[in-house]
Amino acid sequence: MNTKLRENHKCCYPFIPDSEGFCFCIRKKLVEHQGYLDEIYGKGYFEETDFSHRAVINGWKNVLIDDLYVYHKRCCSFGTNDKRKIMEQNSHIYKSRWNAYKNMYYIESSFQNPIIKIKKEIFKNRLFYIGKSVNEKTLFINILGLKFKFRR
């Protein structure tokens, strides 16, 4: 994927409204300036988004490292039941803190993530989708870390 990225995408490090996900970089100066991830979130979910919103409020910017692909094996950090419980609990904390912020400061962006674009090019004959199942008639298949959605 990184080879395809270098061959097919000109890196531009676009600004993004917040950082969320399994892998992100944080400057040491930012941690020294505003502190660490908030421990109220516990084991995971929403702590990185909370951190990135605080960074913007403190004058920092969030950018996408759009010339790097990091493979992430989903659902390995938590079991399904733990994940659901933690997400629900942390979602309430996050929303109570940041709903007003998101309405005021959320950046509208037409930038398309190059990873998604390249995945579409590699798997032209397959339907590519990132999102949640809308009903039982939807089948998700992961191939080499890529998530595919098929309607039955």
C-alpha atoms as a PDB file:
ATOM      1  CA  MET A   1       0.000   0.000   0.000  1.00  0.00           C
ATOM      2  CA  ASN A   2       2.832   2.418   0.787  1.00  0.00           C
ATOM      3  CA  THR A   3       4.393   1.748  -2.634  1.00  0.00           C
ATOM      4  CA  LYS A   4       1.068   2.486  -4.346  1.00  0.00           C
ATOM      5  CA  LEU A   5       0.714   5.603  -2.238  1.00  0.00           C
ATOM      6  CA  ARG A   6       4.132   6.915  -3.302  1.00  0.00           C
ATOM      7  CA  GLU A   7       3.436   6.087  -6.965  1.00  0.00           C
ATOM      8  CA  ASN A   8      -0.105   7.493  -7.172  1.00  0.00           C
ATOM      9  CA  HIS A   9      -0.467  10.284  -4.665  1.00  0.00           C
ATOM     10  CA  LYS A  10       1.224  13.638  -4.148  1.00  0.00           C
ATOM     11  CA  CYS A  11       1.441  14.201  -0.418  1.00  0.00           C
ATOM     12  CA  CYS A  12      -0.109  17.442   0.850  1.00  0.00           C
ATOM     13  CA  TYR A  13      -0.671  16.901   4.623  1.00  0.00           C
ATOM     14  CA  PRO A  14      -4.181  18.389   4.596  1.00  0.00           C
ATOM     15  CA  PHE A  15      -5.699  19.921   7.710  1.00  0.00           C
ATOM     16  CA  ILE A  16      -8.347  17.717   9.309  1.00  0.00           C
ATOM     17  CA  PRO A  17     -10.893  18.634  11.992  1.00  0.00           C
ATOM     18  CA  ASP A  18      -9.667  16.047  14.466  1.00  0.00           C
ATOM     19  CA  SER A  19      -7.431  13.057  14.874  1.00  0.00           C
ATOM     20  CA  GLU A  20      -9.099   9.782  15.513  1.00  0.00           C
ATOM     21  CA  GLY A  21      -8.086   6.237  15.075  1.00  0.00           C
ATOM     22  CA  PHE A  22      -5.535   3.658  15.912  1.00  0.00           C
ATOM     23  CA  CYS A  23      -2.340   5.470  14.977  1.00  0.00           C
ATOM     24  CA  PHE A  24      -1.370   9.106  15.197  1.00  0.00           C
ATOM     25  CA  CYS A  25       1.684  11.209  15.900  1.00  0.00           C
ATOM     26  CA  ILE A  26       1.841  13.850  18.598  1.00  0.00           C
ATOM     27  CA  ARG A  27       4.584  16.448  18.933  1.00  0.00           C
ATOM     28  CA  LYS A  28       6.397  16.403  22.256  1.00  0.00           C
ATOM     29  CA  LYS A  29       5.909  20.185  22.555  1.00  0.00           C
ATOM     30  CA  LEU A  30       2.143  19.709  22.354  1.00  0.00           C
ATOM     31  CA  VAL A  31       2.178  17.182  25.194  1.00  0.00           C
ATOM     32  CA  GLU A  32       4.363  19.529  27.228  1.00  0.00           C
ATOM     33  CA  HIS A  33       1.950  22.393  26.456  1.00  0.00           C
ATOM     34  CA  GLN A  34      -1.411  20.731  27.132  1.00  0.00           C
ATOM     35  CA  GLY A  35      -0.731  17.440  28.866  1.00  0.00           C
ATOM     36  CA  TYR A  36      -1.566  13.861  28.019  1.00  0.00           C
ATOM     37  CA  LEU A  37      -4.648  12.027  26.822  1.00  0.00           C
ATOM     38  CA  ASP A  38      -7.469  12.437  29.350  1.00  0.00           C
ATOM     39  CA  GLU A  39      -7.624   9.368  31.586  1.00  0.00           C
ATOM     40  CA  ILE A  40     -11.380   9.793  32.092  1.00  0.00           C
ATOM     41  CA  TYR A  41     -11.782   7.761  28.887  1.00  0.00           C
ATOM     42  CA  GLY A  42     -10.069   4.743  30.432  1.00  0.00           C
ATOM     43  CA  LYS A  43      -8.841   2.015  28.069  1.00  0.00           C
ATOM     44  CA  GLY A  44      -9.858   3.663  24.832  1.00  0.00           C
ATOM     45  CA  TYR A  45     -12.249   5.332  22.396  1.00  0.00           C
ATOM     46  CA  PHE A  46     -12.609   9.084  21.950  1.00  0.00           C
ATOM     47  CA  GLU A  47      -9.497   9.999  23.988  1.00  0.00           C
ATOM     48  CA  GLU A  48      -7.513  10.885  20.860  1.00  0.00           C
ATOM     49  CA  THR A  49     -10.352  12.963  19.424  1.00  0.00           C
ATOM     50  CA  ASP A  50     -10.720  14.792  22.738  1.00  0.00           C
ATOM     51  CA  PHE A  51      -6.958  15.420  22.726  1.00  0.00           C
ATOM     52  CA  SER A  52      -7.007  16.780  19.174  1.00  0.00           C
ATOM     53  CA  HIS A  53      -9.890  19.170  19.935  1.00  0.00           C
ATOM     54  CA  ARG A  54      -7.979  20.505  22.928  1.00  0.00           C
ATOM     55  CA  ALA A  55      -4.960  20.966  20.658  1.00  0.00           C
ATOM     56  CA  VAL A  56      -6.957  23.098  18.196  1.00  0.00           C
ATOM     57  CA  ILE A  57      -8.317  25.222  21.029  1.00  0.00           C
ATOM     58  CA  ASN A  58      -4.693  25.675  22.206  1.00  0.00           C
ATOM     59  CA  GLY A  59      -3.624  26.929  18.769  1.00  0.00           C
ATOM     60  CA  TRP A  60      -2.308  23.700  17.213  1.00  0.00           C
ATOM     61  CA  LYS A  61      -3.424  22.048  13.954  1.00  0.00           C
ATOM     62  CA  ASN A  62      -4.386  18.495  13.040  1.00  0.00           C
ATOM     63  CA  VAL A  63      -3.052  17.189   9.755  1.00  0.00           C
ATOM     64  CA  LEU A  64      -3.400  13.898   7.942  1.00  0.00           C
ATOM     65  CA  ILE A  65      -0.130  12.129   7.160  1.00  0.00           C
ATOM     66  CA  ASP A  66      -1.350  11.237   3.699  1.00  0.00           C
ATOM     67  CA  ASP A  67       1.809   9.523   2.493  1.00  0.00           C
ATOM     68  CA  LEU A  68       1.804   6.716   5.047  1.00  0.00           C
ATOM     69  CA  TYR A  69      -0.301   3.581   5.417  1.00  0.00           C
ATOM     70  CA  VAL A  70      -0.283   1.658   8.701  1.00  0.00           C
ATOM     71  CA  TYR A  71      -2.003  -1.719   8.751  1.00  0.00           C
ATOM     72  CA  HIS A  72      -4.461  -2.096  11.620  1.00  0.00           C
ATOM     73  CA  LYS A  73      -6.010  -5.434  12.487  1.00  0.00           C
ATOM     74  CA  ARG A  74      -9.434  -4.452  13.702  1.00  0.00           C
ATOM     75  CA  CYS A  75     -11.126  -5.686  16.866  1.00  0.00           C
ATOM     76  CA  CYS A  76      -7.937  -6.947  18.517  1.00  0.00           C
ATOM     77  CA  SER A  77      -7.712  -4.421  21.347  1.00  0.00           C
ATOM     78  CA  PHE A  78     -11.001  -5.225  23.032  1.00  0.00           C
ATOM     79  CA  GLY A  79     -13.548  -8.005  22.902  1.00  0.00           C
ATOM     80  CA  THR A  80     -16.870  -7.214  21.238  1.00  0.00           C
ATOM     81  CA  ASN A  81     -18.769  -6.801  24.511  1.00  0.00           C
ATOM     82  CA  ASP A  82     -16.038  -4.657  26.093  1.00  0.00           C
ATOM     83  CA  LYS A  83     -15.801  -2.527  22.953  1.00  0.00           C
ATOM     84  CA  ARG A  84     -19.528  -1.807  22.884  1.00  0.00           C
ATOM     85  CA  LYS A  85     -19.590  -0.944  26.601  1.00  0.00           C
ATOM     86  CA  ILE A  86     -16.517   1.311  26.458  1.00  0.00           C
ATOM     87  CA  MET A  87     -17.716   3.080  23.295  1.00  0.00           C
ATOM     88  CA  GLU A  88     -21.127   3.796  24.794  1.00  0.00           C
ATOM     89  CA  GLN A  89     -19.659   5.098  28.059  1.00  0.00           C
ATOM     90  CA  ASN A  90     -17.020   7.246  26.368  1.00  0.00           C
ATOM     91  CA  SER A  91     -19.435   8.521  23.735  1.00  0.00           C
ATOM     92  CA  HIS A  92     -21.477  10.189  26.473  1.00  0.00           C
ATOM     93  CA  ILE A  93     -18.375  11.838  27.936  1.00  0.00           C
ATOM     94  CA  TYR A  94     -17.206  13.001  24.511  1.00  0.00           C
ATOM     95  CA  LYS A  95     -20.585  14.386  23.430  1.00  0.00           C
ATOM     96  CA  SER A  96     -21.092  16.261  26.689  1.00  0.00           C
ATOM     97  CA  ARG A  97     -17.724  17.971  26.185  1.00  0.00           C
ATOM     98  CA  TRP A  98     -17.497  18.504  22.448  1.00  0.00           C
ATOM     99  CA  ASN A  99     -20.862  18.746  20.656  1.00  0.00           C
ATOM    100  CA  ALA A 100     -20.809  22.559  20.795  1.00  0.00           C
ATOM    101  CA  TYR A 101     -17.183  22.615  19.631  1.00  0.00           C
ATOM    102  CA  LYS A 102     -17.894  20.400  16.648  1.00  0.00           C
ATOM    103  CA  ASN A 103     -20.758  22.672  15.578  1.00  0.00           C
ATOM    104  CA  MET A 104     -18.537  25.776  15.823  1.00  0.00           C
ATOM    105  CA  TYR A 105     -15.139  24.606  14.635  1.00  0.00           C
ATOM    106  CA  TYR A 106     -15.614  21.527  12.498  1.00  0.00           C
ATOM    107  CA  ILE A 107     -13.734  21.928   9.220  1.00  0.00           C
ATOM    108  CA  GLU A 108     -15.600  21.198   6.016  1.00  0.00           C
ATOM    109  CA  SER A 109     -13.272  19.308   3.728  1.00  0.00           C
ATOM    110  CA  SER A 110     -13.596  17.908   0.234  1.00  0.00           C
ATOM    111  CA  PHE A 111     -10.270  16.111   0.611  1.00  0.00           C
ATOM    112  CA  GLN A 112     -10.456  12.428  -0.281  1.00  0.00           C
ATOM    113  CA  ASN A 113      -8.241  10.119   1.732  1.00  0.00           C
ATOM    114  CA  PRO A 114      -5.721   8.692  -0.781  1.00  0.00           C
ATOM    115  CA  ILE A 115      -5.818   5.256   0.883  1.00  0.00           C
ATOM    116  CA  ILE A 116      -9.509   4.908   0.021  1.00  0.00           C
ATOM    117  CA  LYS A 117      -8.853   6.062  -3.539  1.00  0.00           C
ATOM    118  CA  ILE A 118      -6.015   3.533  -4.000  1.00  0.00           C
ATOM    119  CA  LYS A 119      -8.061   0.703  -2.491  1.00  0.00           C
ATOM    120  CA  LYS A 120     -10.792   1.456  -5.024  1.00  0.00           C
ATOM    121  CA  GLU A 121      -8.232   1.288  -7.854  1.00  0.00           C
ATOM    122  CA  ILE A 122      -6.703  -1.990  -6.642  1.00  0.00           C
ATOM    123  CA  PHE A 123     -10.052  -3.730  -6.191  1.00  0.00           C
ATOM    124  CA  LYS A 124     -11.985  -2.319  -9.155  1.00  0.00           C
ATOM    125  CA  ASN A 125     -14.356  -5.283  -9.359  1.00  0.00           C
ATOM    126  CA  ARG A 126     -15.375  -5.120  -5.731  1.00  0.00           C
ATOM    127  CA  LEU A 127     -17.676  -2.758  -3.885  1.00  0.00           C
ATOM    128  CA  PHE A 128     -15.645  -0.763  -1.343  1.00  0.00           C
ATOM    129  CA  TYR A 129     -17.327   0.725   1.673  1.00  0.00           C
ATOM    130  CA  ILE A 130     -16.369   2.071   5.077  1.00  0.00           C
ATOM    131  CA  GLY A 131     -19.236   2.209   7.513  1.00  0.00           C
ATOM    132  CA  LYS A 132     -21.653   0.203   9.590  1.00  0.00           C
ATOM    133  CA  SER A 133     -23.986  -2.554   8.506  1.00  0.00           C
ATOM    134  CA  VAL A 134     -27.421  -1.137   7.800  1.00  0.00           C
ATOM    135  CA  ASN A 135     -29.202  -4.484   8.048  1.00  0.00           C
ATOM    136  CA  GLU A 136     -28.700  -8.254   8.160  1.00  0.00           C
ATOM    137  CA  LYS A 137     -28.613  -8.394   4.365  1.00  0.00           C
ATOM    138  CA  THR A 138     -25.224  -6.682   4.311  1.00  0.00           C
ATOM    139  CA  LEU A 139     -22.053  -8.771   4.275  1.00  0.00           C
ATOM    140  CA  PHE A 140     -18.690  -7.319   5.288  1.00  0.00           C
ATOM    141  CA  ILE A 141     -15.493  -9.045   4.180  1.00  0.00           C
ATOM    142  CA  ASN A 142     -11.973  -8.065   5.199  1.00  0.00           C
ATOM    143  CA  ILE A 143      -9.230  -8.874   2.691  1.00  0.00           C
ATOM    144  CA  LEU A 144      -5.665  -7.930   3.624  1.00  0.00           C
ATOM    145  CA  GLY A 145      -6.986  -5.327   6.021  1.00  0.00           C
ATOM    146  CA  LEU A 146      -9.402  -3.859   3.477  1.00  0.00           C
ATOM    147  CA  LYS A 147     -13.083  -3.845   4.374  1.00  0.00           C
ATOM    148  CA  PHE A 148     -15.631  -4.702   1.695  1.00  0.00           C
ATOM    149  CA  LYS A 149     -19.400  -4.534   1.815  1.00  0.00           C
ATOM    150  CA  PHE A 150     -21.701  -6.698  -0.267  1.00  0.00           C
ATOM    151  CA  ARG A 151     -25.457  -6.787  -0.351  1.00  0.00           C
ATOM    152  CA  ARG A 152     -26.915 -10.293  -0.267  1.00  0.00           C
END
